Amino acid sequence: MAGPAPRVWFVFGFRDLAATPVPVPVPAGEGLRAVRPGWSYEGHVTKGSRLLLQGAVCGCLPQDCLDLLPGETHLLLLRAGALEAWAPPAPDLRGDPAWSRPLCPREAAQAVLPLVPGGYVTPRPPFFTPLPPMLQAQKLTLGHDHVVLLSTGGALYTWGSGRHGQLGHGSLECMAEPRLVEALHGVPMGEVAAGGWHSASVSEAGDLYIWGWNRWGQLALPSQALAESKVGATVAGTGSPIKPASHAADEFISIQAFPALLDLPEVSKISCGSSHTAAVTRAGDLYTWGWGKYGQLGHTDTTSSDQPQPVAYFPANRLRVEDVVCGPWSTYVCAVEA
């Protein structure tokens, strides 16, 4: 009897100092369980629970390392008996870590980074931040300078910098403590994501909500910067200027401080990069939008878009998308044969 179809990881966007606008298989992609992308390097979790570093930092981490968060100044590791931060990032882990926090083996086995017993961790100081026990966190995701938490009851809490509306509270204020996103209260959520300066969530019914900064169309709302970037461009082979779509000034949205509902097919997964967004539908299709300078939208070019577009590569190759993870300027996709 044939086993399940192999899951293969693909990548497009900025990687290894080059822009790749077309999805390409990650080397040894069939052996990956998870990808942890950073700015200049990434972590790979293999089926054998081995951790590998790829990019500006390369190597195989010790066997007692269970998971990791890559950062430019520190590498945050979950080990069998402790949480550790290492600087500068290096796979050999010689000497002493810059920071450590002991964990018993049971706690280490149950941790799902960045969530750990009693709080959450980041790959930069202060490394560990406690959480109020009443939040009962199910999932937590880190933006550039804000945090989005999904509780076990499906409620959303955000805190940190709010100057681009990324907290979803209707203002641009910063929040030092977790605060309920009241606009979504009563709508049980199943997925959350935090980008550079925007956030997103998916309800249990598959509805996608998004909020925060929209400079490059990462909210899939009309972007003035993208409309202005088309002025002066020419239609290939004609020399005629491209005319941007007509929008009244008040139709452009630079900041969306309340969650906005997007019109997409039912969504199962969502991920946010620095200034782009990717969503997987329950039918197994991948949609991307936002900043595309490095090909991170996967549409064979480096244009940006404020309109969600399906990535044609996967259905064209009879692949069903199961998961997506956005790096700052890249996108990693897990797919199986349809």
Protein backbone atom coordinates (compact mmCIF):
# COMPACT_ATOMS: atom_id res chain seq x y z
CA MET A 1 0.00 0.00 0.00
CA ALA A 2 1.42 3.36 -1.05
CA GLY A 3 2.27 5.83 1.70
CA PRO A 4 1.33 9.52 1.78
CA ALA A 5 2.74 11.79 -0.92
CA PRO A 6 6.03 13.44 0.14
CA ARG A 7 5.87 17.00 1.41
CA VAL A 8 8.38 19.23 -0.40
CA TRP A 9 9.45 22.74 0.59
CA PHE A 10 9.93 25.49 -2.01
CA VAL A 11 11.36 28.99 -1.67
CA PHE A 12 11.21 32.25 -3.61
CA GLY A 13 12.38 35.79 -2.88
CA PHE A 14 15.66 36.98 -1.35
CA ARG A 15 17.94 34.07 -0.51
CA ASP A 16 21.70 33.53 -0.72
CA LEU A 17 22.21 37.17 -1.78
CA ALA A 18 20.04 36.73 -4.88
CA ALA A 19 16.43 37.38 -5.91
CA THR A 20 14.49 34.31 -7.03
CA PRO A 21 11.00 35.26 -8.34
CA VAL A 22 10.07 31.67 -9.30
CA PRO A 23 9.54 28.91 -6.69
CA VAL A 24 12.47 26.49 -6.48
CA PRO A 25 12.75 23.40 -4.27
CA VAL A 26 14.70 23.87 -1.05
CA PRO A 27 17.72 21.51 -1.10
CA ALA A 28 16.72 18.33 0.75
CA GLY A 29 13.24 19.86 0.96
CA GLU A 30 11.60 16.44 1.34
CA GLY A 31 13.48 15.95 4.62
CA LEU A 32 12.30 19.17 6.23
CA ARG A 33 9.72 19.38 8.98
CA ALA A 34 9.87 23.17 9.44
CA VAL A 35 11.70 26.31 8.29
CA ARG A 36 12.65 29.20 10.59
CA PRO A 37 13.65 32.10 8.27
CA GLY A 38 15.65 35.14 9.34
CA TRP A 39 17.16 38.11 7.52
CA SER A 40 20.48 36.65 6.40
CA TYR A 41 20.20 33.00 7.41
CA GLU A 42 17.58 30.42 8.27
CA GLY A 43 17.08 27.35 10.40
CA HIS A 44 15.89 23.99 9.07
CA VAL A 45 14.27 21.38 11.29
CA THR A 46 14.66 17.98 9.64
CA LYS A 47 12.57 14.83 9.98
CA GLY A 48 15.27 13.38 12.18
CA SER A 49 14.89 16.39 14.53
CA ARG A 50 18.30 17.72 13.47
CA LEU A 51 18.73 21.48 13.22
CA LEU A 52 20.64 23.00 10.31
CA LEU A 53 21.64 26.60 9.63
CA GLN A 54 21.68 27.81 6.02
CA GLY A 55 22.73 31.15 4.51
CA ALA A 56 25.22 33.62 5.99
CA VAL A 57 25.59 31.16 8.89
CA CYS A 58 25.86 27.48 7.97
CA GLY A 59 26.28 24.29 9.92
CA CYS A 60 24.64 21.51 11.90
CA LEU A 61 23.67 22.24 15.50
CA PRO A 62 24.24 19.74 18.38
CA GLN A 63 21.78 16.86 18.66
CA ASP A 64 20.20 18.14 21.89
CA CYS A 65 18.92 21.27 20.07
CA LEU A 66 15.15 20.95 19.51
CA ASP A 67 14.19 24.25 17.83
CA LEU A 68 15.55 27.72 17.11
CA LEU A 69 14.78 31.36 16.35
CA PRO A 70 17.37 33.04 14.09
CA GLY A 71 18.29 36.68 14.75
CA GLU A 72 20.96 38.97 13.37
CA THR A 73 22.65 39.52 16.74
CA HIS A 74 21.76 36.28 18.50
CA LEU A 75 20.63 32.74 17.78
CA LEU A 76 17.93 31.61 20.23
CA LEU A 77 17.99 27.86 20.87
CA LEU A 78 15.61 25.46 22.57
CA ARG A 79 17.75 22.65 23.97
CA ALA A 80 16.73 19.55 25.88
CA GLY A 81 17.52 21.20 29.23
CA ALA A 82 17.60 24.95 28.63
CA LEU A 83 16.83 27.98 26.51
CA GLU A 84 19.99 29.69 25.24
CA ALA A 85 20.97 32.79 23.26
CA TRP A 86 24.29 32.71 21.40
CA ALA A 87 26.19 35.66 19.95
CA PRO A 88 27.48 35.85 17.34
CA PRO A 89 25.41 33.11 15.72
CA ALA A 90 27.63 30.04 15.20
CA PRO A 91 26.78 26.35 14.86
CA ASP A 92 29.62 25.00 17.00
CA LEU A 93 28.36 26.67 20.23
CA ARG A 94 31.80 26.93 21.75
CA GLY A 95 32.21 28.77 25.05
CA ASP A 96 29.23 30.05 27.03
CA PRO A 97 25.89 31.40 25.79
CA ALA A 98 25.10 35.10 26.16
CA TRP A 99 21.96 34.10 28.09
CA SER A 100 20.35 30.91 29.34
CA ARG A 101 17.24 29.78 31.20
CA PRO A 102 16.93 26.21 32.50
CA LEU A 103 14.07 23.94 31.43
CA CYS A 104 13.18 20.46 32.54
CA PRO A 105 13.01 17.90 29.68
CA ARG A 106 9.20 17.80 29.81
CA GLU A 107 8.96 21.60 29.47
CA ALA A 108 11.44 21.59 26.60
CA ALA A 109 9.48 18.88 24.76
CA GLN A 110 6.22 20.84 25.08
CA ALA A 111 7.58 24.28 24.08
CA VAL A 112 6.52 25.69 20.70
CA LEU A 113 8.78 28.67 19.99
CA PRO A 114 8.48 31.50 20.63
CA LEU A 115 6.08 30.26 23.35
CA VAL A 116 7.82 28.62 26.30
CA PRO A 117 6.65 27.78 29.84
CA GLY A 118 5.72 31.00 31.63
CA GLY A 119 6.22 33.37 28.70
CA TYR A 120 7.89 33.79 25.33
CA VAL A 121 11.37 34.29 23.89
CA THR A 122 12.94 36.45 21.19
CA PRO A 123 16.39 36.30 19.50
CA ARG A 124 17.33 39.67 21.00
CA PRO A 125 17.44 41.05 24.56
CA PRO A 126 15.68 40.69 26.94
CA PHE A 127 15.28 37.18 25.37
CA PHE A 128 12.54 36.07 27.81
CA THR A 129 9.32 37.92 28.68
CA PRO A 130 6.78 36.49 31.15
CA LEU A 131 3.09 36.24 30.24
CA PRO A 132 0.08 36.54 32.59
CA PRO A 133 -1.22 33.00 33.24
CA MET A 134 -4.78 34.16 32.55
CA LEU A 135 -3.98 34.58 28.83
CA GLN A 136 -3.69 30.79 28.31
CA ALA A 137 -1.72 31.25 25.10
CA GLN A 138 -2.20 28.79 22.24
CA LYS A 139 0.08 30.53 19.72
CA LEU A 140 2.27 33.62 19.70
CA THR A 141 3.94 35.37 16.77
CA LEU A 142 6.51 38.17 16.69
CA GLY A 143 6.53 41.24 14.46
CA HIS A 144 9.41 43.67 14.12
CA ASP A 145 8.40 45.42 17.32
CA HIS A 146 4.97 44.04 18.24
CA VAL A 147 3.45 40.76 19.44
CA VAL A 148 0.23 38.93 18.51
CA LEU A 149 -1.12 36.20 20.80
CA LEU A 150 -3.90 33.70 20.14
CA SER A 151 -5.53 32.39 23.31
CA THR A 152 -6.85 28.85 23.73
CA GLY A 153 -10.36 30.32 23.52
CA GLY A 154 -9.68 31.88 20.10
CA ALA A 155 -9.31 35.49 21.29
CA LEU A 156 -6.54 37.81 20.07
CA TYR A 157 -4.26 39.98 22.20
CA THR A 158 -1.62 42.39 20.88
CA TRP A 159 1.00 44.68 22.39
CA GLY A 160 4.19 46.55 21.56
CA SER A 161 4.57 49.33 19.01
CA GLY A 162 1.34 50.54 17.43
CA ARG A 163 2.61 53.46 15.35
CA HIS A 164 1.53 51.77 12.10
CA GLY A 165 -1.78 50.43 13.42
CA GLN A 166 -0.37 46.90 13.73
CA LEU A 167 -2.04 46.29 17.11
CA GLY A 168 -5.57 46.55 15.68
CA HIS A 169 -6.95 48.71 18.49
CA GLY A 170 -8.04 51.59 16.27
CA SER A 171 -5.22 53.89 17.36
CA LEU A 172 -1.49 54.36 16.79
CA GLU A 173 -0.63 54.06 20.47
CA CYS A 174 1.91 51.64 21.86
CA MET A 175 0.82 49.07 24.44
CA ALA A 176 3.16 47.79 27.13
CA GLU A 177 0.79 45.01 28.21
CA PRO A 178 -1.37 42.52 26.25
CA ARG A 179 -4.71 43.99 25.22
CA LEU A 180 -7.70 42.23 23.70
CA VAL A 181 -8.40 43.09 20.05
CA GLU A 182 -11.98 44.10 20.75
CA ALA A 183 -12.96 44.46 17.08
CA LEU A 184 -12.63 40.68 16.73
CA HIS A 185 -14.02 39.74 20.13
CA GLY A 186 -16.59 36.96 19.75
CA VAL A 187 -15.12 35.74 16.45
CA PRO A 188 -13.04 32.64 17.35
CA MET A 189 -9.67 32.72 15.59
CA GLY A 190 -7.62 29.72 14.52
CA GLU A 191 -4.46 31.30 13.03
CA VAL A 192 -2.44 34.49 13.59
CA ALA A 193 0.57 36.13 11.95
CA ALA A 194 2.72 39.21 12.53
CA GLY A 195 4.79 40.89 9.84
CA GLY A 196 7.22 43.76 10.02
CA TRP A 197 4.51 46.31 10.78
CA HIS A 198 1.25 44.51 10.01
CA SER A 199 -0.78 41.66 11.47
CA ALA A 200 -3.32 39.10 10.28
CA SER A 201 -5.63 36.44 11.66
CA VAL A 202 -7.84 33.68 10.27
CA SER A 203 -11.13 32.79 11.93
CA GLU A 204 -12.17 29.20 12.54
CA ALA A 205 -14.59 29.69 9.62
CA GLY A 206 -11.71 30.58 7.28
CA ASP A 207 -12.21 34.35 7.09
CA LEU A 208 -9.04 36.45 6.81
CA TYR A 209 -8.62 39.71 8.76
CA ILE A 210 -5.64 42.03 8.33
CA TRP A 211 -4.47 45.37 9.74
CA GLY A 212 -1.47 47.67 10.14
CA TRP A 213 0.83 49.37 7.59
CA ASN A 214 -0.13 49.26 3.91
CA ARG A 215 2.67 51.17 2.18
CA TRP A 216 3.40 48.35 -0.27
CA GLY A 217 -0.09 46.88 -0.41
CA GLN A 218 0.68 44.20 2.20
CA LEU A 219 -2.89 44.56 3.51
CA ALA A 220 -4.38 43.94 0.02
CA LEU A 221 -5.91 47.42 0.23
CA PRO A 222 -5.37 50.30 -2.27
CA SER A 223 -1.79 51.59 -1.87
CA GLN A 224 -0.83 55.07 -2.98
CA ALA A 225 2.88 54.14 -3.17
CA LEU A 226 2.13 51.37 -5.68
CA ALA A 227 -0.13 53.60 -7.77
CA GLU A 228 2.54 56.30 -7.90
CA SER A 229 5.26 53.78 -8.79
CA LYS A 230 3.41 52.97 -12.02
CA VAL A 231 3.64 56.56 -13.23
CA GLY A 232 6.48 56.78 -15.73
CA ALA A 233 6.51 53.05 -16.44
CA THR A 234 5.89 52.11 -20.07
CA VAL A 235 3.95 49.37 -21.77
CA ALA A 236 6.43 46.88 -23.23
CA GLY A 237 7.00 47.39 -26.96
CA THR A 238 4.93 50.58 -27.23
CA GLY A 239 6.76 53.24 -25.23
CA SER A 240 3.37 54.43 -23.98
CA PRO A 241 3.15 55.29 -20.27
CA ILE A 242 1.19 53.00 -17.98
CA LYS A 243 -1.69 54.85 -16.41
CA PRO A 244 -2.33 53.89 -12.79
CA ALA A 245 -5.82 52.92 -11.79
CA SER A 246 -7.96 55.92 -10.95
CA HIS A 247 -8.45 56.35 -7.21
CA ALA A 248 -9.79 59.22 -5.21
CA ALA A 249 -7.27 60.37 -2.60
CA ASP A 250 -9.43 59.11 0.24
CA GLU A 251 -9.54 55.60 -1.28
CA PHE A 252 -5.86 54.98 -0.61
CA ILE A 253 -5.08 53.38 2.73
CA SER A 254 -1.65 53.82 4.28
CA ILE A 255 -2.61 52.62 7.77
CA GLN A 256 -5.50 50.35 8.74
CA ALA A 257 -5.76 50.50 12.52
CA PHE A 258 -8.80 48.19 12.77
CA PRO A 259 -8.95 44.62 11.37
CA ALA A 260 -10.26 44.58 7.79
CA LEU A 261 -12.00 41.53 6.31
CA LEU A 262 -10.53 40.44 2.97
CA ASP A 263 -12.55 38.83 0.19
CA LEU A 264 -10.65 35.56 -0.35
CA PRO A 265 -11.64 31.89 -0.56
CA GLU A 266 -11.63 30.14 2.81
CA VAL A 267 -8.13 30.42 4.29
CA SER A 268 -6.31 27.76 6.30
CA LYS A 269 -2.84 29.32 6.78
CA ILE A 270 -1.50 32.88 6.89
CA SER A 271 2.01 34.30 7.14
CA CYS A 272 3.47 37.82 6.98
CA GLY A 273 6.89 38.99 5.85
CA SER A 274 8.43 42.38 6.40
CA SER A 275 6.09 43.98 3.83
CA HIS A 276 4.32 41.11 2.07
CA THR A 277 1.66 38.56 2.94
CA ALA A 278 0.88 34.99 1.89
CA ALA A 279 -2.27 32.92 2.48
CA VAL A 280 -3.09 29.27 1.82
CA THR A 281 -6.71 28.44 1.05
CA ARG A 282 -8.49 25.32 2.22
CA ALA A 283 -8.49 24.22 -1.42
CA GLY A 284 -4.67 24.21 -1.39
CA ASP A 285 -4.00 27.37 -3.40
CA LEU A 286 -1.44 30.02 -2.44
CA TYR A 287 -2.18 33.76 -2.70
CA THR A 288 0.46 36.47 -2.19
CA TRP A 289 0.49 40.27 -2.22
CA GLY A 290 2.49 43.28 -1.04
CA TRP A 291 6.13 44.20 -1.66
CA GLY A 292 7.71 42.10 -4.39
CA LYS A 293 11.12 43.67 -5.07
CA TYR A 294 13.00 40.39 -4.47
CA GLY A 295 10.45 38.07 -6.07
CA GLN A 296 8.93 37.13 -2.72
CA LEU A 297 5.43 37.03 -4.26
CA GLY A 298 6.37 34.15 -6.57
CA HIS A 299 4.78 35.59 -9.72
CA THR A 300 7.94 35.26 -11.92
CA ASP A 301 8.73 38.97 -11.58
CA THR A 302 9.71 41.54 -8.96
CA THR A 303 6.65 43.77 -9.08
CA SER A 304 4.61 44.68 -6.01
CA SER A 305 0.84 44.35 -5.78
CA ASP A 306 -2.00 45.43 -3.52
CA GLN A 307 -4.20 42.71 -5.01
CA PRO A 308 -4.06 39.06 -3.83
CA GLN A 309 -2.97 36.88 -6.74
CA PRO A 310 -2.74 33.09 -6.87
CA VAL A 311 0.79 31.75 -7.37
CA ALA A 312 0.38 29.86 -10.65
CA TYR A 313 3.45 27.64 -10.23
CA PHE A 314 1.80 25.20 -7.84
CA PRO A 315 -1.41 24.30 -9.72
CA ALA A 316 0.59 24.30 -12.96
CA ASN A 317 2.78 21.57 -11.47
CA ARG A 318 -0.16 19.73 -9.89
CA LEU A 319 0.88 20.66 -6.37
CA ARG A 320 -1.38 21.34 -3.42
CA VAL A 321 -0.04 23.87 -0.92
CA GLU A 322 -0.27 22.87 2.74
CA ASP A 323 1.78 25.49 4.57
CA VAL A 324 3.54 28.82 4.08
CA VAL A 325 6.17 30.65 6.12
CA CYS A 326 7.27 34.15 5.17
CA GLY A 327 10.77 35.36 5.86
CA PRO A 328 11.40 39.11 5.89
CA TRP A 329 12.03 39.18 2.10
CA SER A 330 11.28 35.58 1.13
CA THR A 331 8.53 32.97 1.14
CA TYR A 332 8.76 29.25 1.96
CA VAL A 333 5.99 26.93 0.84
CA CYS A 334 5.28 23.29 1.71
CA ALA A 335 3.37 21.39 -1.00
CA VAL A 336 2.35 17.86 -1.95
CA GLU A 337 1.24 16.26 -5.19
CA ALA A 338 -2.40 17.08 -5.83
